[in-house]
Structures are given as C-alpha cells and as structure tokens.
Amino acid sequence: LLVVDEAHCISAWGHDFRPEYLRLGAVAETIGRPPILALTATASPVVRDEIIERLGMESPEVIVTGFDRPNLHLEVQRFSDRNAKRAAFLEQIEEAGAPGIVYVARRRTAEELAAELWERGVSSVFYHGAMTRKERDEAQRAFMNDEFDVVVATTAFGMGIDKQNIRFVWHFDIPDSIDSLYQEIGRAGRDGQPARAVLFYASQDLGVRRFFAASGALDAAELECVAEVVRAGSRSMTRREIRDATGLSRSKLAAALAQLEGGGFLAISPEGVTSPAGDSIDPEVAAAEAARVAEAHARIEGSRVEMVRTYAETADCRRELVLNYFGEPFEGPCGNCDNCARGSSVADRPNLPFDLNARVVHEQWGEGSVVRYEGEKIFVLFDDMGYKSLSLDVIDDRHVIRFIGAAPTASCPSDPPTATPPTRAAA
C-alpha cells in the first residue's frame, strides 16, 4: 500500500514549489504499482481530478465526507486601502480571544506584525520558510504549549497542526484560493467550540496573488531545451549535469523534468538519474504538450484567485459559496457568517437551468461542472480554462452552455462498501 497524505500538495505545490510531488506516480510504478490511498482534508473537484491523474490511479473509489464546519463564523472585512486594514487589524486582535493564527502573504509582513503585536501587549511569534529548522520548531513548540497567544505566519505554518483550542484564524492577506482559505481556517475550533475565521480584505491585495499565480510557469522553449539535452546525452544524466547544460534554476529544472516525465518523454530512476523514455518521441512535440499542460494549470490557478475574490466580495452566504466550491450542495442562509447575520443572503433561487455539479459544455471553453449560482450569475469550473462566471440571461438568450451529463457521484463513509473493492487504487 502506498499512502499519500496531504495529497492536495500535488496540485498546490507540485508545479513550482515542490515539483517532486508530481513524481509520486512514477514512484508508484518503480515500486511495483501497489494499491494507492490518497488522503487530504481539503480538495476541490479540480484538485481531486489532478490527484487521480498525477498518481495514475485507475477507476479509483472516491470518498468525500462533509466539508461543513458549522462552528466557524465566516467573516470578511473590506477596506479601501492597506493602511486602514492594518489599523483595524491591530485594534481588533487585542480583543480576539487567544490563541489564534494570523496568515500573511510575505515573510517580512509576518515579522513586522508580530513585532507590532508585542508593542501592544499581545504575546506573539512569527513563522516562515526562511527561518532555520530549529527556529521554526521552537516557534511551533512554544505556540502549541500556549507560550504565545498568536502566531503570525506564512503558509509554511500549519501542516499537521492539531491544536484543539485555537479560537481564531485570521487572514491579514487574501489567500491564493478558497482551497487554501478553508485548509487554513480549518485549524480553528477543533474542540467544537465557536471560533472566528476573518479575512481582512483590500482589493489591492489581489495583485500579489495574481502575480504569484502567473509567475514560475515554464515555456515551451525551456522545456524543449531540457528535452534536447537529455536526448542528446550519450548516457543517463544526473540533475546537476542537466542543470549545467541548460542553465535553468534548480526549481525550474525540477518542474521541467516532472512535466516531461509526466508526458512520457523522460524516465527518472529512484536515484534521480534521467534518460529518454524512448527514441520515437520528438522533443519538440513533448515540450509543446508539457507546455500546454503547464499553461492550463496556470489558467486554473489564476481563476482560483478570482474565486477567492468572489468569496471576499459576495453579499451572499459565505458558507454556501465555500461548500458549493467543494462540490457539496448547500443552500444558505447558514446563520453563522457575516452576510447571513446582516440579512443579505439569498434564501431561494427558483428555476435554475442546471443542478450543482452538473456537467455542461461551452461553445468556446469546452466541458466543465456547475459550481454555484449567485444573483444573476452562474459559476462553472471548466476542465481546461478554470473558473468562469456567466450571466444567466446570456445562457437563456444565446444558449452558449448546454447540459451533457449528471454530476459524478462520490461515496461517503455512511454508504455500504462495494461488493468488490478496487484492487489497484483508491482516493
């Protein structure tokens, strides 16, 4: 049995930060293709699909439990500029009710906010990836033992954290996706008691996330360069030899090798030695296909930023938006988010053209799944284009979207087990 825990990292980190995640499918082949179990607490349908594809899982049993955390109060505070946001954040956190986590986008921001909290009498510690392992371990240990009220951290903090009494998770900066948002706020209120999940939102913050989503993508020329070097080598090559020949950075080379291996052009041994998978595959064709996959991923990443913007700016039930995003039917008002508290949520939407999660096809963007409705808009997750919103009037008048199939089903723990469980894969 090969178990991949925190499997959403294949999609969230595999394309840039940790390309080795993309190689887990090849690892499975190397060790004889045992049954695979992939586990994660937070994965939207597009992430679940990529986990299955990257691990090479065949007809997997997909088990999806409920995503709802009804004890979490969801809230967004909007500000016209960052200075007003910072002032409100510092004023409110003194009364927030420790312990809590504050997430930020930059390492420098983590250090600055932690220092400002100390000046206000709030015991705090910062945490980010540039710290030494010893410094990170000590900061985490102290927070877990209630030696600090607040940890101000980048996304480097939190994997595997199971502290039962966290009373709030606040986002000082908008996260890169609803996936990340929900993964992070899920660390609050694990004792079942009320907890607050607040996003402090200024629209200018979106620029950083859009930049990150668009950066780091490999182009076809870089991929072809790597493919040509490997093909031209008279023997198998180490990663250092390929890096010396191409001039690519470590991270870009790792991503290129993972993409080309996934496309069947390269074979990488468990020791990291690379060789062509065969003589019949043209490097230019292989690079073009790998670049197409990378570009599609970049489009989806950019659209996920736009979906978290929708979460920040909606006047509708925030819990409904989140749960629908993860493919779980839910109709607000939920009674435990700021929009429901102020009465702005829509309780009934008659005459919807498609069910949630229904498969549809667009004349230009191809196939996708219906994610949610909001006002006069429909949101669809397209397989190759990511999340798009369309006017319901346009759908009615021009018929640009048509129904092609019912929503795919996934079992949950209450379902009876299948008579013959899959022997090759499970998700």
Protein backbone atom coordinates (compact mmCIF):
# COMPACT_ATOMS: atom_id res chain seq x y z
CA LEU A 1 0.00 0.00 0.00
CA LEU A 2 1.31 3.46 -0.95
CA VAL A 3 -0.31 6.22 1.14
CA VAL A 4 -0.04 9.86 0.10
CA ASP A 5 -1.10 12.12 2.95
CA GLU A 6 -1.88 15.83 2.39
CA ALA A 7 -2.42 14.83 -1.24
CA HIS A 8 -3.65 18.30 -2.25
CA CYS A 9 0.04 19.29 -2.22
CA ILE A 10 0.39 17.50 -5.57
CA SER A 11 -1.67 20.28 -7.12
CA ALA A 12 -0.94 23.13 -4.70
CA TRP A 13 2.86 22.79 -4.60
CA GLY A 14 3.83 20.27 -7.26
CA HIS A 15 4.01 22.64 -10.21
CA ASP A 16 6.55 25.04 -8.73
CA PHE A 17 7.46 24.94 -5.03
CA ARG A 18 7.95 21.18 -4.70
CA PRO A 19 7.96 19.58 -8.18
CA GLU A 20 8.87 16.21 -6.63
CA TYR A 21 5.19 15.82 -5.72
CA LEU A 22 4.47 15.38 -9.43
CA ARG A 23 6.80 12.36 -9.46
CA LEU A 24 4.80 10.29 -7.00
CA GLY A 25 3.06 8.50 -9.85
CA ALA A 26 6.44 7.41 -11.22
CA VAL A 27 7.46 6.31 -7.72
CA ALA A 28 4.39 4.09 -7.63
CA GLU A 29 5.46 2.45 -10.90
CA THR A 30 9.01 1.97 -9.63
CA ILE A 31 7.88 0.06 -6.53
CA GLY A 32 5.51 -2.22 -8.43
CA ARG A 33 2.29 -0.22 -8.59
CA PRO A 34 0.74 -1.17 -5.22
CA PRO A 35 -2.75 -0.01 -4.22
CA ILE A 36 -2.70 3.76 -3.59
CA LEU A 37 -4.55 5.65 -0.87
CA ALA A 38 -4.56 9.45 -1.24
CA LEU A 39 -5.80 11.49 1.73
CA THR A 40 -6.49 15.19 2.21
CA ALA A 41 -8.83 17.31 4.28
CA THR A 42 -9.37 19.93 1.57
CA ALA A 43 -9.62 19.29 -2.15
CA SER A 44 -11.98 20.89 -4.65
CA PRO A 45 -13.12 18.79 -7.64
CA VAL A 46 -10.33 20.12 -9.87
CA VAL A 47 -7.73 19.18 -7.24
CA ARG A 48 -9.25 15.73 -6.76
CA ASP A 49 -9.06 15.16 -10.51
CA GLU A 50 -5.39 16.17 -10.62
CA ILE A 51 -4.53 13.90 -7.68
CA ILE A 52 -6.08 10.97 -9.54
CA GLU A 53 -4.34 11.85 -12.81
CA ARG A 54 -0.89 12.53 -11.35
CA LEU A 55 -0.87 9.34 -9.29
CA GLY A 56 -2.06 7.29 -12.26
CA MET A 57 -5.00 5.92 -10.30
CA GLU A 58 -7.27 3.63 -12.30
CA SER A 59 -11.02 3.78 -11.62
CA PRO A 60 -10.48 4.93 -8.03
CA GLU A 61 -13.05 4.82 -5.29
CA VAL A 62 -13.57 8.48 -4.40
CA ILE A 63 -14.80 9.05 -0.84
CA VAL A 64 -15.83 12.61 0.02
CA THR A 65 -17.03 13.48 3.51
CA GLY A 66 -18.82 16.65 4.53
CA PHE A 67 -16.82 19.88 4.36
CA ASP A 68 -19.03 21.93 6.66
CA ARG A 69 -17.61 23.30 9.91
CA PRO A 70 -20.72 24.94 11.37
CA ASN A 71 -18.94 26.22 14.50
CA LEU A 72 -16.71 28.52 12.42
CA HIS A 73 -18.06 32.04 11.97
CA LEU A 74 -17.06 33.25 8.49
CA GLU A 75 -16.48 36.97 8.06
CA VAL A 76 -14.84 39.41 5.63
CA GLN A 77 -13.95 42.97 6.50
CA ARG A 78 -13.37 45.20 3.48
CA PHE A 79 -11.09 48.23 3.43
CA SER A 80 -10.31 50.93 0.90
CA ASP A 81 -6.56 50.75 1.47
CA ARG A 82 -3.92 48.73 3.31
CA ASN A 83 -3.28 51.35 6.00
CA ALA A 84 -6.90 51.26 7.14
CA LYS A 85 -6.79 47.46 7.07
CA ARG A 86 -3.68 47.32 9.21
CA ALA A 87 -5.07 49.76 11.78
CA ALA A 88 -8.32 47.81 12.12
CA PHE A 89 -6.48 44.51 12.39
CA LEU A 90 -4.19 45.70 15.18
CA GLU A 91 -7.08 47.21 17.09
CA GLN A 92 -9.28 44.12 16.90
CA ILE A 93 -6.73 41.43 17.61
CA GLU A 94 -6.20 42.68 21.14
CA GLU A 95 -9.76 41.54 21.91
CA ALA A 96 -9.82 38.49 19.64
CA GLY A 97 -9.54 35.85 22.36
CA ALA A 98 -6.33 33.83 22.14
CA PRO A 99 -4.91 31.58 20.96
CA GLY A 100 -5.05 32.28 17.25
CA ILE A 101 -3.25 32.17 13.92
CA VAL A 102 -2.77 35.09 11.53
CA TYR A 103 -1.82 34.28 7.93
CA VAL A 104 0.09 36.72 5.74
CA ALA A 105 1.48 36.58 2.21
CA ARG A 106 5.04 37.76 2.87
CA ARG A 107 7.75 36.81 5.33
CA ARG A 108 8.53 40.44 6.12
CA THR A 109 4.89 41.10 6.98
CA ALA A 110 4.93 38.18 9.44
CA GLU A 111 7.90 39.67 11.29
CA GLU A 112 6.53 43.23 11.26
CA LEU A 113 3.08 42.30 12.55
CA ALA A 114 4.48 40.08 15.28
CA ALA A 115 6.64 42.98 16.47
CA GLU A 116 3.69 45.39 16.43
CA LEU A 117 1.58 42.95 18.43
CA TRP A 118 4.28 42.74 21.08
CA GLU A 119 4.25 46.53 21.32
CA ARG A 120 0.50 46.33 22.06
CA GLY A 121 0.96 43.72 24.75
CA VAL A 122 -0.09 40.69 22.67
CA SER A 123 2.46 37.88 23.01
CA SER A 124 3.22 36.68 19.50
CA VAL A 125 5.75 34.81 17.42
CA PHE A 126 6.36 34.78 13.66
CA TYR A 127 6.87 31.74 11.46
CA HIS A 128 8.01 31.49 7.83
CA GLY A 129 10.09 29.35 5.50
CA ALA A 130 13.26 31.48 5.68
CA MET A 131 13.76 30.63 9.35
CA THR A 132 16.10 27.80 10.29
CA ARG A 133 14.56 24.44 11.09
CA LYS A 134 15.50 24.92 14.75
CA GLU A 135 13.81 28.36 14.85
CA ARG A 136 10.65 27.02 13.23
CA ASP A 137 10.46 24.03 15.55
CA GLU A 138 10.89 26.25 18.61
CA ALA A 139 8.23 28.73 17.45
CA GLN A 140 5.76 25.90 16.78
CA ARG A 141 6.51 24.17 20.09
CA ALA A 142 6.00 27.40 22.06
CA PHE A 143 2.69 28.16 20.35
CA MET A 144 1.41 24.62 20.84
CA ASN A 145 2.25 24.89 24.54
CA ASP A 146 0.36 28.21 24.91
CA GLU A 147 3.53 30.22 25.49
CA PHE A 148 2.36 32.70 22.84
CA ASP A 149 -1.16 33.98 22.18
CA VAL A 150 -0.72 34.48 18.43
CA VAL A 151 1.47 33.07 15.66
CA VAL A 152 1.82 35.30 12.58
CA ALA A 153 2.80 33.07 9.70
CA THR A 154 3.03 32.42 6.01
CA THR A 155 1.53 29.25 4.57
CA ALA A 156 4.68 27.43 5.77
CA PHE A 157 2.91 27.05 9.13
CA GLY A 158 0.06 24.68 9.77
CA MET A 159 0.59 21.35 8.03
CA GLY A 160 -0.18 18.72 10.63
CA ILE A 161 -1.04 21.28 13.32
CA ASP A 162 -3.72 19.85 15.62
CA LYS A 163 -4.19 22.33 18.45
CA GLN A 164 -7.71 21.92 19.76
CA ASN A 165 -8.30 25.33 21.36
CA ILE A 166 -7.46 27.76 18.53
CA ARG A 167 -10.17 30.40 18.76
CA PHE A 168 -9.49 32.30 15.56
CA VAL A 169 -7.72 32.09 12.23
CA TRP A 170 -7.45 35.47 10.57
CA HIS A 171 -6.12 36.23 7.11
CA PHE A 172 -4.36 39.58 7.04
CA ASP A 173 -3.72 38.97 3.31
CA ILE A 174 -6.09 37.24 0.94
CA PRO A 175 -5.04 33.60 0.27
CA ASP A 176 -4.41 32.23 -3.21
CA SER A 177 -7.58 30.14 -3.37
CA ILE A 178 -10.64 29.01 -1.47
CA ASP A 179 -8.82 25.69 -1.09
CA SER A 180 -6.05 27.41 0.90
CA LEU A 181 -8.52 29.57 2.82
CA TYR A 182 -10.54 26.60 4.02
CA GLN A 183 -7.49 24.46 4.73
CA GLU A 184 -6.13 27.21 6.98
CA ILE A 185 -9.30 28.25 8.79
CA GLY A 186 -9.97 24.57 9.46
CA ARG A 187 -7.28 24.74 12.14
CA ALA A 188 -9.64 26.77 14.33
CA GLY A 189 -12.31 25.39 16.63
CA ARG A 190 -11.28 21.74 16.51
CA ASP A 191 -12.73 21.34 20.00
CA GLY A 192 -16.16 22.04 18.52
CA GLN A 193 -16.49 25.38 20.29
CA PRO A 194 -17.19 28.64 18.40
CA ALA A 195 -14.26 30.12 16.51
CA ARG A 196 -13.84 33.05 14.09
CA ALA A 197 -12.43 32.99 10.56
CA VAL A 198 -11.92 36.58 9.39
CA LEU A 199 -10.46 37.84 6.12
CA PHE A 200 -9.16 41.42 6.16
CA TYR A 201 -9.60 42.41 2.54
CA ALA A 202 -8.34 45.31 0.46
CA SER A 203 -8.76 44.85 -3.28
CA GLN A 204 -5.13 45.91 -3.87
CA ASP A 205 -4.05 42.65 -2.22
CA LEU A 206 -5.24 40.70 -5.25
CA GLY A 207 -2.30 41.97 -7.29
CA VAL A 208 0.16 39.90 -5.27
CA ARG A 209 -1.87 36.72 -5.66
CA ARG A 210 -2.36 37.27 -9.39
CA PHE A 211 1.38 37.78 -9.78
CA PHE A 212 2.18 34.57 -7.91
CA ALA A 213 -0.39 32.63 -9.94
CA ALA A 214 1.13 33.83 -13.23
CA SER A 215 4.81 33.51 -12.28
CA GLY A 216 7.05 30.49 -12.49
CA ALA A 217 5.35 28.89 -15.49
CA LEU A 218 7.69 27.10 -17.89
CA ASP A 219 7.55 28.00 -21.55
CA ALA A 220 7.91 25.58 -24.46
CA ALA A 221 11.46 26.75 -25.25
CA GLU A 222 12.71 25.89 -21.75
CA LEU A 223 11.01 22.51 -21.83
CA GLU A 224 12.38 21.75 -25.29
CA CYS A 225 15.88 22.74 -24.16
CA VAL A 226 15.75 20.18 -21.36
CA ALA A 227 14.32 17.52 -23.68
CA GLU A 228 17.04 18.12 -26.27
CA VAL A 229 19.84 17.94 -23.70
CA VAL A 230 18.55 14.64 -22.35
CA ARG A 231 18.02 13.21 -25.83
CA ALA A 232 21.49 14.30 -26.98
CA GLY A 233 23.26 12.81 -23.96
CA SER A 234 25.20 9.67 -24.73
CA ARG A 235 24.19 8.20 -21.35
CA SER A 236 21.83 8.79 -18.48
CA MET A 237 22.37 12.17 -16.87
CA THR A 238 22.24 13.49 -13.33
CA ARG A 239 20.19 16.55 -12.47
CA ARG A 240 23.36 18.61 -11.95
CA GLU A 241 24.62 17.70 -15.43
CA ILE A 242 21.34 18.75 -17.00
CA ARG A 243 21.30 22.00 -14.99
CA ASP A 244 24.84 22.82 -16.10
CA ALA A 245 23.89 22.20 -19.73
CA THR A 246 20.62 24.17 -19.68
CA GLY A 247 21.38 26.99 -17.23
CA LEU A 248 17.97 26.60 -15.60
CA SER A 249 17.47 27.17 -11.87
CA ARG A 250 17.01 24.18 -9.58
CA SER A 251 13.29 24.78 -9.20
CA LYS A 252 12.65 25.32 -12.92
CA LEU A 253 14.64 22.26 -13.87
CA ALA A 254 12.80 20.12 -11.32
CA ALA A 255 9.48 21.34 -12.68
CA ALA A 256 10.57 20.74 -16.29
CA LEU A 257 11.73 17.19 -15.54
CA ALA A 258 8.49 16.42 -13.71
CA GLN A 259 6.38 17.76 -16.58
CA LEU A 260 8.35 15.89 -19.24
CA GLU A 261 8.32 12.69 -17.21
CA GLY A 262 4.55 13.02 -16.76
CA GLY A 263 4.23 13.33 -20.54
CA GLY A 264 6.14 10.10 -21.08
CA PHE A 265 9.26 11.65 -22.63
CA LEU A 266 11.68 11.09 -19.75
CA ALA A 267 12.35 8.29 -17.30
CA ILE A 268 13.83 9.22 -13.92
CA SER A 269 15.29 6.49 -11.73
CA PRO A 270 14.81 6.37 -7.95
CA GLU A 271 18.35 7.74 -7.69
CA GLY A 272 17.38 10.79 -9.77
CA VAL A 273 19.19 9.77 -12.97
CA THR A 274 17.37 10.90 -16.12
CA SER A 275 17.23 9.22 -19.53
CA PRO A 276 14.92 9.40 -22.59
CA ALA A 277 11.87 7.16 -22.34
CA GLY A 278 12.32 6.13 -25.99
CA ASP A 279 13.59 7.25 -29.39
CA SER A 280 10.20 7.71 -31.03
CA ILE A 281 9.11 10.81 -29.10
CA ASP A 282 10.08 14.10 -30.70
CA PRO A 283 11.48 16.58 -28.13
CA GLU A 284 9.62 19.49 -29.72
CA VAL A 285 6.31 17.65 -29.58
CA ALA A 286 6.93 16.52 -26.00
CA ALA A 287 7.85 20.06 -24.93
CA ALA A 288 4.78 21.55 -26.63
CA GLU A 289 2.47 19.11 -24.85
CA ALA A 290 4.15 19.71 -21.48
CA ALA A 291 3.86 23.47 -22.03
CA ARG A 292 0.17 23.11 -22.87
CA VAL A 293 -0.42 21.29 -19.58
CA ALA A 294 1.55 23.93 -17.67
CA GLU A 295 -0.38 26.77 -19.30
CA ALA A 296 -3.70 25.10 -18.49
CA HIS A 297 -2.60 24.80 -14.87
CA ALA A 298 -1.61 28.49 -14.82
CA ARG A 299 -5.06 29.44 -16.16
CA ILE A 300 -6.76 27.39 -13.47
CA GLU A 301 -4.55 28.93 -10.77
CA GLY A 302 -5.46 32.41 -11.97
CA SER A 303 -9.15 31.55 -11.95
CA ARG A 304 -8.86 30.25 -8.38
CA VAL A 305 -7.62 33.68 -7.33
CA GLU A 306 -10.76 35.16 -8.91
CA MET A 307 -12.94 32.71 -6.97
CA VAL A 308 -11.42 33.76 -3.64
CA ARG A 309 -12.08 37.36 -4.72
CA THR A 310 -15.71 36.33 -5.22
CA TYR A 311 -15.71 34.94 -1.68
CA ALA A 312 -14.36 38.25 -0.38
CA GLU A 313 -16.85 40.41 -2.26
CA THR A 314 -20.05 38.36 -2.20
CA ALA A 315 -23.13 39.62 -0.39
CA ASP A 316 -24.48 36.07 -0.29
CA CYS A 317 -23.99 33.29 2.27
CA ARG A 318 -20.26 32.66 2.51
CA ARG A 319 -20.67 29.10 3.78
CA GLU A 320 -22.85 28.27 0.78
CA LEU A 321 -20.18 29.62 -1.57
CA VAL A 322 -17.41 27.60 0.07
CA LEU A 323 -19.32 24.33 0.26
CA ASN A 324 -20.59 24.64 -3.32
CA TYR A 325 -17.00 25.29 -4.41
CA PHE A 326 -16.01 21.93 -2.95
CA GLY A 327 -18.91 20.23 -4.70
CA GLU A 328 -21.17 19.96 -1.65
CA PRO A 329 -24.80 21.09 -2.15
CA PHE A 330 -25.79 23.65 0.47
CA GLU A 331 -28.36 26.44 0.44
CA GLY A 332 -27.99 29.42 2.74
CA PRO A 333 -28.61 31.27 4.85
CA CYS A 334 -26.29 29.39 7.21
CA GLY A 335 -26.82 31.71 10.17
CA ASN A 336 -23.14 31.83 11.05
CA CYS A 337 -21.47 34.18 8.59
CA ASP A 338 -21.45 37.97 8.43
CA ASN A 339 -23.71 38.16 5.36
CA CYS A 340 -26.37 35.95 6.90
CA ALA A 341 -26.17 38.00 10.10
CA ARG A 342 -26.90 41.20 8.19
CA GLY A 343 -29.66 39.56 6.15
CA SER A 344 -28.12 39.95 2.70
CA SER A 345 -28.05 36.23 1.80
CA VAL A 346 -30.47 34.93 -0.80
CA ALA A 347 -32.62 32.13 0.58
CA ASP A 348 -34.28 30.84 -2.60
CA ARG A 349 -33.29 30.66 -6.27
CA PRO A 350 -36.09 29.17 -8.37
CA ASN A 351 -35.81 28.00 -11.98
CA LEU A 352 -32.09 27.27 -12.09
CA PRO A 353 -31.05 25.92 -15.51
CA PHE A 354 -28.69 23.19 -14.18
CA ASP A 355 -28.14 21.31 -10.94
CA LEU A 356 -24.98 21.98 -8.96
CA ASN A 357 -22.08 19.82 -10.17
CA ALA A 358 -23.90 19.08 -13.44
CA ARG A 359 -21.61 18.59 -16.42
CA VAL A 360 -22.04 21.20 -19.14
CA VAL A 361 -20.22 22.27 -22.29
CA HIS A 362 -19.50 25.82 -23.50
CA GLU A 363 -19.10 26.56 -27.19
CA GLN A 364 -15.68 28.15 -26.61
CA TRP A 365 -14.36 26.95 -23.23
CA GLY A 366 -15.24 23.26 -23.53
CA GLU A 367 -16.57 21.00 -20.79
CA GLY A 368 -16.96 21.84 -17.13
CA SER A 369 -19.01 21.48 -13.96
CA VAL A 370 -21.51 23.91 -12.44
CA VAL A 371 -20.09 25.24 -9.16
CA ARG A 372 -22.63 27.76 -7.88
CA TYR A 373 -25.19 30.45 -8.58
CA GLU A 374 -25.08 33.97 -7.25
CA GLY A 375 -27.60 36.62 -8.19
CA GLU A 376 -27.89 36.56 -11.97
CA LYS A 377 -24.63 34.68 -12.48
CA ILE A 378 -23.64 31.05 -12.87
CA PHE A 379 -20.12 29.88 -11.98
CA VAL A 380 -18.64 26.97 -13.91
CA LEU A 381 -15.34 25.16 -13.39
CA PHE A 382 -14.11 24.38 -16.92
CA ASP A 383 -11.66 21.50 -17.29
CA ASP A 384 -9.06 23.48 -19.23
CA MET A 385 -9.95 27.12 -18.51
CA GLY A 386 -10.64 27.12 -14.77
CA TYR A 387 -13.45 29.02 -13.07
CA LYS A 388 -15.64 31.32 -15.18
CA SER A 389 -18.81 33.29 -14.39
CA LEU A 390 -21.56 33.93 -16.93
CA SER A 391 -24.80 35.84 -16.95
CA LEU A 392 -27.90 33.66 -16.72
CA ASP A 393 -29.55 35.95 -19.26
CA VAL A 394 -26.83 35.17 -21.79
CA ILE A 395 -27.33 31.46 -21.24
CA ASP A 396 -31.06 31.79 -21.80
CA ASP A 397 -30.79 34.06 -24.85
CA ARG A 398 -27.80 32.61 -26.69
CA HIS A 399 -27.62 29.05 -25.34
CA VAL A 400 -23.81 29.17 -25.03
CA ILE A 401 -23.90 26.38 -22.44
CA ARG A 402 -25.72 23.08 -22.76
CA PHE A 403 -26.19 20.14 -20.43
CA ILE A 404 -24.14 17.00 -21.19
CA GLY A 405 -24.45 14.85 -18.07
CA ALA A 406 -25.40 14.48 -14.44
CA ALA A 407 -22.95 15.24 -11.69
CA PRO A 408 -20.42 12.49 -10.95
CA THR A 409 -21.14 10.70 -7.71
CA ALA A 410 -18.76 10.05 -4.82
CA SER A 411 -19.40 7.78 -1.89
CA CYS A 412 -19.23 8.83 1.74
CA PRO A 413 -18.48 6.77 4.87
CA SER A 414 -22.16 6.08 5.50
CA ASP A 415 -22.52 4.30 2.16
CA PRO A 416 -22.25 0.50 2.18
CA PRO A 417 -18.92 -0.77 0.83
CA THR A 418 -18.83 -2.05 -2.71
CA ALA A 419 -19.04 -5.79 -3.11
CA THR A 420 -15.66 -5.89 -4.87
CA PRO A 421 -13.44 -3.04 -3.67
CA PRO A 422 -10.88 -1.69 -6.15
CA THR A 423 -7.57 -3.53 -6.02
CA ARG A 424 -5.42 -1.02 -7.88
CA ALA A 425 -6.31 2.38 -6.49
CA ALA A 426 -8.36 4.35 -4.04
CA ALA A 427 -8.67 8.11 -3.50
